[in-house]
Amino acid sequence: MFLNKLIFILLILIILFYIFIRKRDEIYYIEDLLSSEEYEYIKNYVKTINNLKYERFRYIKSINDNKINDIFYSDDIINKIESIINNKIKKSNFPIEYRIYPKGSEGMKCHKDTLLYELPQYEMVYTIENKSDSYTNWFSYLGWNNKIYTKPNSLIIVKAQENTHCVSPVNDGYRTILKLIYTQTDKYNRNYVNELKRFT
């Protein structure tokens, strides 16, 4: 009798723990995010970008194109992301960043994204082209290692200070992305200001 009660209690605890884990933010991956017309516009636009800044293992440049802003910060895209993360978000004033990871890039070591606001922001990696052998890894709260090859026109959603994630080195080819942010609040912290300095 006592053993049956103990097993029952353990099962309840396991179920509650699983529910708790499931309610936490994980990393989300969406394929075919934009229409073919929107994707082609972005792909062609970034080809016109020059004077990129070299930053250790990648080339970066902030972009301020009205059409690209309208695409990513449209109600349709925001509503789509909100339905996935089950949270309210809005446009961030942090600039959209274009990045090129060339052959020989060391990738990114495992890390959690830094808090830029008083509430954790959601950071997005939109893949434009991926002609590399590089993969993205992230670890779930239960310790599972997820490995994915990000396709063109796909989006990865990461909540700051949540899941640990990494990007493997580019041994062949190259990868181009847009990095952008959605926020829960306009109240930013010192990290936000420090990050902006990267573009100056």
N, C-alpha and C. Protein backbone atom coordinates (compact mmCIF):
# COMPACT_ATOMS: atom_id res chain seq x y z
N MET A 1 0.84 -1.21 0.00
CA MET A 1 0.00 0.00 0.00
C MET A 1 0.87 1.26 0.00
N PHE A 2 1.86 1.28 0.90
CA PHE A 2 2.76 2.44 0.98
C PHE A 2 3.52 2.62 -0.33
N LEU A 3 3.95 1.49 -0.92
CA LEU A 3 4.70 1.53 -2.18
C LEU A 3 3.84 2.11 -3.30
N ASN A 4 2.56 1.75 -3.33
CA ASN A 4 1.64 2.27 -4.35
C ASN A 4 1.48 3.79 -4.21
N LYS A 5 1.37 4.26 -2.99
CA LYS A 5 1.24 5.71 -2.74
C LYS A 5 2.51 6.45 -3.18
N LEU A 6 3.66 5.83 -2.86
CA LEU A 6 4.93 6.43 -3.23
C LEU A 6 5.08 6.54 -4.74
N ILE A 7 4.70 5.47 -5.45
CA ILE A 7 4.76 5.47 -6.92
C ILE A 7 3.81 6.53 -7.47
N PHE A 8 2.63 6.64 -6.89
CA PHE A 8 1.65 7.63 -7.34
C PHE A 8 2.18 9.06 -7.17
N ILE A 9 2.78 9.31 -6.00
CA ILE A 9 3.34 10.64 -5.73
C ILE A 9 4.48 10.96 -6.70
N LEU A 10 5.33 9.96 -6.96
CA LEU A 10 6.44 10.16 -7.90
C LEU A 10 5.92 10.47 -9.30
N LEU A 11 4.87 9.77 -9.71
CA LEU A 11 4.28 10.03 -11.03
C LEU A 11 3.72 11.44 -11.13
N ILE A 12 3.06 11.89 -10.07
CA ILE A 12 2.53 13.26 -10.05
C ILE A 12 3.66 14.27 -10.15
N LEU A 13 4.72 14.04 -9.39
CA LEU A 13 5.87 14.95 -9.42
C LEU A 13 6.51 14.99 -10.81
N ILE A 14 6.63 13.86 -11.44
CA ILE A 14 7.19 13.79 -12.80
C ILE A 14 6.32 14.56 -13.78
N ILE A 15 5.00 14.39 -13.68
CA ILE A 15 4.08 15.10 -14.57
C ILE A 15 4.16 16.61 -14.36
N LEU A 16 4.19 17.04 -13.09
CA LEU A 16 4.29 18.47 -12.79
C LEU A 16 5.61 19.05 -13.30
N PHE A 17 6.68 18.29 -13.13
CA PHE A 17 7.99 18.75 -13.62
C PHE A 17 7.96 18.88 -15.13
N TYR A 18 7.35 17.92 -15.82
CA TYR A 18 7.26 17.95 -17.29
C TYR A 18 6.45 19.16 -17.74
N ILE A 19 5.34 19.43 -17.05
CA ILE A 19 4.50 20.60 -17.40
C ILE A 19 5.29 21.89 -17.20
N PHE A 20 6.04 21.96 -16.10
CA PHE A 20 6.86 23.14 -15.82
C PHE A 20 7.89 23.36 -16.93
N ILE A 21 8.56 22.27 -17.32
CA ILE A 21 9.58 22.36 -18.38
C ILE A 21 8.94 22.80 -19.69
N ARG A 22 7.78 22.24 -20.01
CA ARG A 22 7.13 22.55 -21.27
C ARG A 22 6.70 24.01 -21.34
N LYS A 23 6.43 24.63 -20.20
CA LYS A 23 5.99 26.03 -20.17
C LYS A 23 7.17 27.00 -20.28
N ARG A 24 8.37 26.51 -20.09
CA ARG A 24 9.55 27.35 -20.22
C ARG A 24 9.82 27.61 -21.68
N ASP A 25 10.46 28.70 -21.96
CA ASP A 25 10.80 29.00 -23.35
C ASP A 25 11.90 28.07 -23.84
N GLU A 26 11.67 27.50 -24.98
CA GLU A 26 12.69 26.73 -25.67
C GLU A 26 13.12 27.53 -26.89
N ILE A 27 14.00 26.97 -27.68
CA ILE A 27 14.38 27.59 -28.93
C ILE A 27 13.45 27.04 -30.02
N TYR A 28 12.96 27.93 -30.85
CA TYR A 28 12.01 27.54 -31.88
C TYR A 28 12.64 27.73 -33.26
N TYR A 29 12.26 26.86 -34.19
CA TYR A 29 12.79 26.92 -35.56
C TYR A 29 11.60 26.89 -36.52
N ILE A 30 11.56 27.88 -37.42
CA ILE A 30 10.46 28.00 -38.38
C ILE A 30 11.05 28.01 -39.79
N GLU A 31 10.58 27.14 -40.65
CA GLU A 31 10.99 27.15 -42.05
C GLU A 31 9.99 27.94 -42.89
N ASP A 32 10.44 28.43 -44.04
CA ASP A 32 9.57 29.15 -44.99
C ASP A 32 8.80 30.28 -44.29
N LEU A 33 9.55 31.12 -43.58
CA LEU A 33 8.92 32.19 -42.81
C LEU A 33 8.24 33.22 -43.70
N LEU A 34 8.95 33.69 -44.73
CA LEU A 34 8.45 34.79 -45.56
C LEU A 34 7.99 34.28 -46.92
N SER A 35 7.25 35.13 -47.60
CA SER A 35 6.84 34.79 -48.97
C SER A 35 8.07 34.78 -49.87
N SER A 36 7.95 34.15 -51.03
CA SER A 36 9.09 34.09 -51.95
C SER A 36 9.50 35.49 -52.41
N GLU A 37 8.52 36.39 -52.58
CA GLU A 37 8.83 37.76 -52.99
C GLU A 37 9.62 38.49 -51.91
N GLU A 38 9.21 38.33 -50.64
CA GLU A 38 9.91 38.98 -49.53
C GLU A 38 11.32 38.42 -49.39
N TYR A 39 11.42 37.10 -49.49
CA TYR A 39 12.73 36.46 -49.38
C TYR A 39 13.67 36.94 -50.49
N GLU A 40 13.19 37.00 -51.72
CA GLU A 40 14.03 37.43 -52.84
C GLU A 40 14.45 38.89 -52.68
N TYR A 41 13.56 39.72 -52.14
CA TYR A 41 13.92 41.12 -51.91
C TYR A 41 15.10 41.21 -50.94
N ILE A 42 15.01 40.48 -49.83
CA ILE A 42 16.08 40.51 -48.82
C ILE A 42 17.38 39.95 -49.40
N LYS A 43 17.27 38.84 -50.10
CA LYS A 43 18.45 38.20 -50.69
C LYS A 43 19.16 39.15 -51.66
N ASN A 44 18.39 39.86 -52.48
CA ASN A 44 18.98 40.80 -53.44
C ASN A 44 19.49 42.07 -52.76
N TYR A 45 18.76 42.51 -51.73
CA TYR A 45 19.17 43.74 -51.03
C TYR A 45 20.54 43.59 -50.37
N VAL A 46 20.76 42.47 -49.67
CA VAL A 46 22.01 42.32 -48.93
C VAL A 46 23.22 42.24 -49.87
N LYS A 47 22.98 41.86 -51.13
CA LYS A 47 24.08 41.81 -52.10
C LYS A 47 24.61 43.20 -52.42
N THR A 48 23.81 44.23 -52.13
CA THR A 48 24.23 45.60 -52.41
C THR A 48 24.97 46.23 -51.23
N ILE A 49 25.03 45.51 -50.10
CA ILE A 49 25.67 46.05 -48.89
C ILE A 49 27.19 45.96 -49.03
N ASN A 50 27.87 47.05 -48.75
CA ASN A 50 29.33 47.02 -48.76
C ASN A 50 29.86 47.67 -47.49
N ASN A 51 31.18 47.76 -47.39
CA ASN A 51 31.84 48.34 -46.21
C ASN A 51 31.43 47.65 -44.91
N LEU A 52 31.36 46.33 -44.96
CA LEU A 52 31.05 45.58 -43.74
C LEU A 52 32.24 45.64 -42.79
N LYS A 53 31.92 45.60 -41.51
CA LYS A 53 32.95 45.64 -40.48
C LYS A 53 33.34 44.22 -40.10
N TYR A 54 34.66 43.96 -40.05
CA TYR A 54 35.11 42.63 -39.63
C TYR A 54 35.12 42.57 -38.11
N GLU A 55 34.48 41.54 -37.59
CA GLU A 55 34.37 41.38 -36.14
C GLU A 55 34.79 39.97 -35.76
N ARG A 56 36.06 39.79 -35.54
CA ARG A 56 36.65 38.54 -35.09
C ARG A 56 36.46 37.39 -36.08
N PHE A 57 35.28 36.84 -36.21
CA PHE A 57 35.09 35.68 -37.07
C PHE A 57 33.95 35.87 -38.07
N ARG A 58 33.50 37.12 -38.24
CA ARG A 58 32.38 37.37 -39.15
C ARG A 58 32.45 38.81 -39.63
N TYR A 59 31.64 39.11 -40.63
CA TYR A 59 31.48 40.47 -41.13
C TYR A 59 30.08 40.95 -40.76
N ILE A 60 29.98 42.20 -40.28
CA ILE A 60 28.67 42.70 -39.82
C ILE A 60 28.39 44.07 -40.40
N LYS A 61 27.11 44.40 -40.46
CA LYS A 61 26.69 45.74 -40.87
C LYS A 61 25.24 45.91 -40.42
N SER A 62 24.96 47.01 -39.72
CA SER A 62 23.57 47.30 -39.38
C SER A 62 22.88 47.82 -40.63
N ILE A 63 21.63 47.46 -40.81
CA ILE A 63 20.90 47.91 -41.99
C ILE A 63 19.64 48.64 -41.54
N ASN A 64 19.23 49.59 -42.34
CA ASN A 64 18.03 50.36 -42.03
C ASN A 64 17.23 50.56 -43.31
N ASP A 65 16.67 49.46 -43.77
CA ASP A 65 15.86 49.48 -44.97
C ASP A 65 14.39 49.42 -44.56
N ASN A 66 13.61 50.40 -44.99
CA ASN A 66 12.21 50.48 -44.56
C ASN A 66 11.42 49.23 -44.91
N LYS A 67 11.66 48.70 -46.10
CA LYS A 67 10.89 47.52 -46.52
C LYS A 67 11.21 46.31 -45.66
N ILE A 68 12.50 46.11 -45.35
CA ILE A 68 12.88 44.98 -44.50
C ILE A 68 12.31 45.16 -43.09
N ASN A 69 12.36 46.38 -42.57
CA ASN A 69 11.73 46.65 -41.28
C ASN A 69 10.24 46.33 -41.31
N ASP A 70 9.57 46.76 -42.37
CA ASP A 70 8.13 46.52 -42.50
C ASP A 70 7.82 45.03 -42.58
N ILE A 71 8.70 44.28 -43.24
CA ILE A 71 8.48 42.83 -43.36
C ILE A 71 8.53 42.16 -41.99
N PHE A 72 9.62 42.40 -41.25
CA PHE A 72 9.81 41.68 -40.00
C PHE A 72 8.98 42.21 -38.84
N TYR A 73 8.63 43.49 -38.90
CA TYR A 73 7.86 44.06 -37.80
C TYR A 73 6.40 44.27 -38.17
N SER A 74 5.95 43.56 -39.19
CA SER A 74 4.53 43.62 -39.57
C SER A 74 3.69 42.90 -38.52
N ASP A 75 2.43 43.24 -38.48
CA ASP A 75 1.51 42.58 -37.55
C ASP A 75 1.44 41.07 -37.81
N ASP A 76 1.48 40.69 -39.09
CA ASP A 76 1.38 39.27 -39.43
C ASP A 76 2.54 38.47 -38.84
N ILE A 77 3.76 38.98 -39.00
CA ILE A 77 4.92 38.25 -38.49
C ILE A 77 4.93 38.26 -36.96
N ILE A 78 4.63 39.42 -36.37
CA ILE A 78 4.61 39.50 -34.90
C ILE A 78 3.55 38.56 -34.33
N ASN A 79 2.37 38.53 -34.94
CA ASN A 79 1.32 37.62 -34.47
C ASN A 79 1.73 36.16 -34.61
N LYS A 80 2.41 35.86 -35.70
CA LYS A 80 2.87 34.48 -35.93
C LYS A 80 3.86 34.06 -34.85
N ILE A 81 4.80 34.94 -34.54
CA ILE A 81 5.80 34.62 -33.52
C ILE A 81 5.16 34.54 -32.13
N GLU A 82 4.25 35.46 -31.83
CA GLU A 82 3.57 35.44 -30.54
C GLU A 82 2.82 34.13 -30.32
N SER A 83 2.21 33.62 -31.38
CA SER A 83 1.46 32.36 -31.25
C SER A 83 2.39 31.18 -30.97
N ILE A 84 3.64 31.30 -31.40
CA ILE A 84 4.61 30.22 -31.18
C ILE A 84 5.23 30.31 -29.79
N ILE A 85 5.60 31.51 -29.37
CA ILE A 85 6.27 31.65 -28.07
C ILE A 85 5.29 31.84 -26.93
N ASN A 86 4.01 32.06 -27.28
CA ASN A 86 2.96 32.26 -26.27
C ASN A 86 3.29 33.43 -25.34
N ASN A 87 3.70 34.53 -25.97
CA ASN A 87 4.05 35.72 -25.21
C ASN A 87 3.86 36.94 -26.10
N LYS A 88 3.68 38.10 -25.48
CA LYS A 88 3.51 39.35 -26.22
C LYS A 88 4.87 39.99 -26.50
N ILE A 89 5.08 40.41 -27.74
CA ILE A 89 6.32 41.06 -28.11
C ILE A 89 6.02 42.26 -29.00
N LYS A 90 7.04 43.09 -29.20
CA LYS A 90 6.90 44.23 -30.10
C LYS A 90 8.25 44.54 -30.72
N LYS A 91 8.24 45.45 -31.67
CA LYS A 91 9.45 45.85 -32.37
C LYS A 91 10.47 46.43 -31.40
N SER A 92 11.71 46.06 -31.60
CA SER A 92 12.81 46.66 -30.85
C SER A 92 13.44 47.76 -31.69
N ASN A 93 13.98 48.77 -31.03
CA ASN A 93 14.70 49.83 -31.74
C ASN A 93 16.15 49.45 -32.02
N PHE A 94 16.57 48.30 -31.55
CA PHE A 94 17.92 47.83 -31.84
C PHE A 94 18.00 47.52 -33.33
N PRO A 95 19.08 47.96 -34.00
CA PRO A 95 19.13 47.80 -35.46
C PRO A 95 19.16 46.35 -35.92
N ILE A 96 18.56 46.09 -37.07
CA ILE A 96 18.69 44.79 -37.71
C ILE A 96 20.13 44.67 -38.21
N GLU A 97 20.72 43.53 -38.00
CA GLU A 97 22.14 43.34 -38.31
C GLU A 97 22.31 42.27 -39.38
N TYR A 98 23.07 42.61 -40.41
CA TYR A 98 23.42 41.65 -41.46
C TYR A 98 24.78 41.06 -41.10
N ARG A 99 24.88 39.73 -41.19
CA ARG A 99 26.12 39.05 -40.86
C ARG A 99 26.51 38.06 -41.95
N ILE A 100 27.79 38.00 -42.21
CA ILE A 100 28.35 36.98 -43.10
C ILE A 100 29.34 36.14 -42.30
N TYR A 101 29.13 34.82 -42.31
CA TYR A 101 30.07 33.90 -41.70
C TYR A 101 30.81 33.18 -42.83
N PRO A 102 32.05 33.59 -43.13
CA PRO A 102 32.78 33.02 -44.27
C PRO A 102 33.44 31.69 -43.91
N LYS A 103 34.01 31.06 -44.93
CA LYS A 103 34.80 29.85 -44.70
C LYS A 103 35.92 30.18 -43.73
N GLY A 104 36.10 29.33 -42.74
CA GLY A 104 37.12 29.57 -41.72
C GLY A 104 36.58 30.22 -40.46
N SER A 105 35.30 30.64 -40.49
CA SER A 105 34.71 31.22 -39.29
C SER A 105 34.69 30.17 -38.18
N GLU A 106 35.04 30.60 -36.99
CA GLU A 106 35.12 29.66 -35.86
C GLU A 106 33.76 29.31 -35.27
N GLY A 107 32.69 29.92 -35.79
CA GLY A 107 31.37 29.65 -35.22
C GLY A 107 31.17 30.40 -33.91
N MET A 108 30.25 29.93 -33.10
CA MET A 108 30.00 30.57 -31.81
C MET A 108 30.01 29.51 -30.72
N LYS A 109 30.79 29.77 -29.68
CA LYS A 109 30.82 28.84 -28.56
C LYS A 109 29.49 28.83 -27.84
N CYS A 110 29.24 27.77 -27.09
CA CYS A 110 27.96 27.63 -26.39
C CYS A 110 27.77 28.77 -25.40
N HIS A 111 26.59 29.37 -25.42
CA HIS A 111 26.33 30.55 -24.59
C HIS A 111 24.83 30.76 -24.43
N LYS A 112 24.48 31.65 -23.53
CA LYS A 112 23.12 32.18 -23.41
C LYS A 112 23.17 33.65 -23.80
N ASP A 113 22.16 34.12 -24.52
CA ASP A 113 22.17 35.51 -24.97
C ASP A 113 22.05 36.47 -23.79
N THR A 114 22.78 37.57 -23.89
CA THR A 114 22.83 38.58 -22.84
C THR A 114 21.52 39.36 -22.77
N LEU A 115 21.09 39.69 -21.56
CA LEU A 115 19.90 40.53 -21.39
C LEU A 115 20.21 41.95 -21.83
N LEU A 116 19.38 42.50 -22.72
CA LEU A 116 19.54 43.88 -23.18
C LEU A 116 18.46 44.79 -22.62
N TYR A 117 17.41 44.18 -22.08
CA TYR A 117 16.26 44.92 -21.56
C TYR A 117 15.95 44.47 -20.13
N GLU A 118 15.05 45.17 -19.49
CA GLU A 118 14.65 44.79 -18.13
C GLU A 118 13.89 43.46 -18.13
N LEU A 119 13.22 43.17 -19.23
CA LEU A 119 12.61 41.86 -19.44
C LEU A 119 13.35 41.19 -20.60
N PRO A 120 13.50 39.87 -20.58
CA PRO A 120 14.29 39.21 -21.63
C PRO A 120 13.73 39.46 -23.03
N GLN A 121 14.61 39.82 -23.94
CA GLN A 121 14.23 40.00 -25.33
C GLN A 121 14.26 38.66 -26.06
N TYR A 122 13.60 38.62 -27.21
CA TYR A 122 13.66 37.46 -28.09
C TYR A 122 14.56 37.81 -29.27
N GLU A 123 15.61 37.05 -29.45
CA GLU A 123 16.55 37.30 -30.53
C GLU A 123 16.28 36.31 -31.67
N MET A 124 16.30 36.85 -32.89
CA MET A 124 15.97 36.07 -34.07
C MET A 124 17.16 35.96 -35.00
N VAL A 125 17.37 34.79 -35.52
CA VAL A 125 18.36 34.58 -36.57
C VAL A 125 17.61 34.13 -37.82
N TYR A 126 17.56 35.03 -38.80
CA TYR A 126 16.90 34.72 -40.07
C TYR A 126 17.98 34.34 -41.08
N THR A 127 17.94 33.10 -41.57
CA THR A 127 18.94 32.63 -42.52
C THR A 127 18.57 33.06 -43.94
N ILE A 128 19.51 33.76 -44.57
CA ILE A 128 19.33 34.17 -45.97
C ILE A 128 19.89 33.09 -46.89
N GLU A 129 21.16 32.79 -46.70
CA GLU A 129 21.79 31.69 -47.45
C GLU A 129 22.60 30.85 -46.48
N ASN A 130 22.64 29.56 -46.75
CA ASN A 130 23.49 28.66 -45.97
C ASN A 130 24.12 27.65 -46.91
N LYS A 131 25.28 28.00 -47.40
CA LYS A 131 26.02 27.10 -48.29
C LYS A 131 27.23 26.55 -47.54
N SER A 132 27.08 26.43 -46.24
CA SER A 132 28.17 25.99 -45.37
C SER A 132 27.88 24.60 -44.82
N ASP A 133 28.84 24.11 -44.05
CA ASP A 133 28.67 22.84 -43.33
C ASP A 133 28.38 23.10 -41.85
N SER A 134 27.96 24.32 -41.55
CA SER A 134 27.76 24.75 -40.16
C SER A 134 26.36 24.38 -39.65
N TYR A 135 26.31 23.95 -38.41
CA TYR A 135 25.05 23.58 -37.76
C TYR A 135 24.83 24.44 -36.51
N THR A 136 23.57 24.58 -36.14
CA THR A 136 23.20 25.22 -34.88
C THR A 136 22.80 24.15 -33.89
N ASN A 137 23.32 24.25 -32.68
CA ASN A 137 22.97 23.32 -31.60
C ASN A 137 22.34 24.09 -30.46
N TRP A 138 21.36 23.48 -29.81
CA TRP A 138 20.88 24.05 -28.55
C TRP A 138 20.48 22.92 -27.61
N PHE A 139 20.51 23.25 -26.33
CA PHE A 139 20.25 22.25 -25.30
C PHE A 139 18.91 22.55 -24.63
N SER A 140 18.06 21.55 -24.56
CA SER A 140 16.77 21.71 -23.90
C SER A 140 16.97 21.71 -22.39
N TYR A 141 15.90 21.99 -21.66
CA TYR A 141 15.99 22.01 -20.19
C TYR A 141 16.20 20.61 -19.62
N LEU A 142 15.88 19.61 -20.42
CA LEU A 142 16.10 18.24 -19.97
C LEU A 142 17.46 17.73 -20.43
N GLY A 143 18.24 18.62 -21.05
CA GLY A 143 19.60 18.26 -21.43
C GLY A 143 19.74 17.69 -22.83
N TRP A 144 18.64 17.60 -23.58
CA TRP A 144 18.74 17.06 -24.93
C TRP A 144 19.47 18.04 -25.84
N ASN A 145 20.36 17.51 -26.67
CA ASN A 145 21.12 18.32 -27.62
C ASN A 145 20.41 18.28 -28.96
N ASN A 146 19.91 19.44 -29.39
CA ASN A 146 19.22 19.55 -30.67
C ASN A 146 20.19 20.12 -31.70
N LYS A 147 20.27 19.48 -32.84
CA LYS A 147 21.19 19.90 -33.90
C LYS A 147 20.39 20.12 -35.17
N ILE A 148 20.57 21.31 -35.79
CA ILE A 148 19.79 21.61 -36.98
C ILE A 148 20.61 22.39 -37.99
N TYR A 149 20.37 22.08 -39.25
CA TYR A 149 20.99 22.82 -40.35
C TYR A 149 19.97 23.85 -40.80
N THR A 150 20.25 25.12 -40.59
CA THR A 150 19.26 26.16 -40.87
C THR A 150 19.16 26.42 -42.38
N LYS A 151 17.94 26.31 -42.89
CA LYS A 151 17.70 26.47 -44.31
C LYS A 151 17.47 27.95 -44.65
N PRO A 152 17.68 28.33 -45.91
CA PRO A 152 17.33 29.69 -46.34
C PRO A 152 15.84 29.97 -46.05
N ASN A 153 15.55 31.22 -45.67
CA ASN A 153 14.19 31.66 -45.34
C ASN A 153 13.65 30.97 -44.09
N SER A 154 14.55 30.63 -43.17
CA SER A 154 14.12 30.05 -41.89
C SER A 154 14.47 31.01 -40.76
N LEU A 155 13.81 30.80 -39.63
CA LEU A 155 14.00 31.67 -38.47
C LEU A 155 14.22 30.83 -37.22
N ILE A 156 15.22 31.21 -36.43
CA ILE A 156 15.41 30.63 -35.11
C ILE A 156 15.07 31.70 -34.08
N ILE A 157 14.31 31.31 -33.07
CA ILE A 157 13.88 32.23 -32.01
C ILE A 157 14.54 31.80 -30.70
N VAL A 158 15.25 32.73 -30.08
CA VAL A 158 15.96 32.44 -28.82
C VAL A 158 15.61 33.51 -27.80
N LYS A 159 15.21 33.09 -26.61
CA LYS A 159 14.93 34.04 -25.54
C LYS A 159 16.20 34.26 -24.72
N ALA A 160 16.52 35.52 -24.48
CA ALA A 160 17.75 35.85 -23.75
C ALA A 160 17.77 35.20 -22.37
N GLN A 161 18.94 34.68 -22.02
CA GLN A 161 19.21 34.04 -20.73
C GLN A 161 18.40 32.76 -20.52
N GLU A 162 17.97 32.15 -21.60
CA GLU A 162 17.27 30.87 -21.47
C GLU A 162 18.17 29.74 -21.98
N ASN A 163 17.85 29.15 -23.12
CA ASN A 163 18.58 27.96 -23.57
C ASN A 163 20.01 28.25 -24.02
N THR A 164 20.90 27.36 -23.66
CA THR A 164 22.28 27.41 -24.15
C THR A 164 22.30 26.95 -25.61
N HIS A 165 23.02 27.71 -26.45
CA HIS A 165 23.09 27.36 -27.87
C HIS A 165 24.47 27.68 -28.42
N CYS A 166 24.80 27.09 -29.54
CA CYS A 166 26.11 27.23 -30.17
C CYS A 166 25.96 27.09 -31.69
N VAL A 167 26.99 27.54 -32.41
CA VAL A 167 27.04 27.38 -33.86
C VAL A 167 28.40 26.78 -34.20
N SER A 168 28.40 25.71 -34.98
CA SER A 168 29.64 25.03 -35.31
C SER A 168 30.45 25.83 -36.34
N PRO A 169 31.75 25.62 -36.40
CA PRO A 169 32.61 26.36 -37.35
C PRO A 169 32.20 26.14 -38.80
N VAL A 170 32.56 27.11 -39.64
CA VAL A 170 32.33 27.00 -41.09
C VAL A 170 33.63 26.50 -41.72
N ASN A 171 33.67 25.21 -42.01
CA ASN A 171 34.86 24.63 -42.63
C ASN A 171 34.81 24.71 -44.15
N ASP A 172 33.60 24.91 -44.66
CA ASP A 172 33.43 24.99 -46.10
C ASP A 172 32.22 25.87 -46.40
N GLY A 173 32.30 26.67 -47.47
CA GLY A 173 31.17 27.50 -47.86
C GLY A 173 31.03 28.75 -47.00
N TYR A 174 29.79 29.25 -46.90
CA TYR A 174 29.52 30.45 -46.12
C TYR A 174 28.05 30.46 -45.69
N ARG A 175 27.75 31.32 -44.74
CA ARG A 175 26.37 31.46 -44.25
C ARG A 175 26.08 32.94 -44.06
N THR A 176 24.90 33.41 -44.51
CA THR A 176 24.50 34.80 -44.31
C THR A 176 23.18 34.84 -43.57
N ILE A 177 23.09 35.79 -42.63
CA ILE A 177 21.89 35.89 -41.79
C ILE A 177 21.53 37.34 -41.53
N LEU A 178 20.31 37.53 -41.05
CA LEU A 178 19.91 38.77 -40.40
C LEU A 178 19.68 38.45 -38.94
N LYS A 179 20.19 39.30 -38.06
CA LYS A 179 19.95 39.15 -36.61
C LYS A 179 19.05 40.31 -36.19
N LEU A 180 17.93 40.01 -35.58
CA LEU A 180 17.02 41.07 -35.15
C LEU A 180 16.38 40.70 -33.82
N ILE A 181 15.76 41.69 -33.21
CA ILE A 181 15.26 41.54 -31.84
C ILE A 181 13.81 41.98 -31.74
N TYR A 182 13.05 41.22 -30.97
CA TYR A 182 11.72 41.64 -30.53
C TYR A 182 11.79 41.75 -29.01
N THR A 183 11.07 42.69 -28.46
CA THR A 183 11.19 42.95 -27.03
C THR A 183 9.83 42.91 -26.33
N GLN A 184 9.89 42.72 -25.01
CA GLN A 184 8.67 42.77 -24.20
C GLN A 184 8.49 44.15 -23.57
N THR A 185 9.56 44.95 -23.57
CA THR A 185 9.52 46.27 -22.93
C THR A 185 10.50 47.20 -23.64
N ASP A 186 10.27 48.49 -23.54
CA ASP A 186 11.19 49.47 -24.12
C ASP A 186 12.30 49.86 -23.15
N LYS A 187 12.23 49.38 -21.92
CA LYS A 187 13.23 49.75 -20.90
C LYS A 187 14.47 48.87 -21.06
N TYR A 188 15.52 49.49 -21.60
CA TYR A 188 16.74 48.74 -21.85
C TYR A 188 17.75 48.97 -20.73
N ASN A 189 18.81 48.15 -20.73
CA ASN A 189 19.83 48.26 -19.69
C ASN A 189 21.18 48.66 -20.30
N ARG A 190 22.22 48.60 -19.52
CA ARG A 190 23.55 49.04 -19.96
C ARG A 190 24.09 48.15 -21.08
N ASN A 191 23.72 46.87 -21.06
CA ASN A 191 24.19 45.96 -22.10
C ASN A 191 23.71 46.41 -23.49
N TYR A 192 22.52 46.96 -23.54
CA TYR A 192 21.96 47.46 -24.80
C TYR A 192 22.87 48.54 -25.38
N VAL A 193 23.27 49.48 -24.52
CA VAL A 193 24.13 50.59 -24.95
C VAL A 193 25.49 50.05 -25.40
N ASN A 194 26.03 49.10 -24.66
CA ASN A 194 27.33 48.53 -25.01
C ASN A 194 27.27 47.79 -26.35
N GLU A 195 26.18 47.08 -26.59
CA GLU A 195 26.04 46.36 -27.85
C GLU A 195 25.94 47.31 -29.05
N LEU A 196 25.30 48.45 -28.84
CA LEU A 196 25.19 49.43 -29.92
C LEU A 196 26.55 49.94 -30.36
N LYS A 197 27.50 49.96 -29.43
CA LYS A 197 28.84 50.47 -29.74
C LYS A 197 29.56 49.60 -30.77
N ARG A 198 29.11 48.36 -30.94
CA ARG A 198 29.74 47.48 -31.92
C ARG A 198 29.62 48.02 -33.34
N PHE A 199 28.62 48.85 -33.58
CA PHE A 199 28.37 49.34 -34.94
C PHE A 199 29.06 50.67 -35.22
N THR A 200 29.75 51.23 -34.23
CA THR A 200 30.37 52.53 -34.42
C THR A 200 31.85 52.38 -34.77
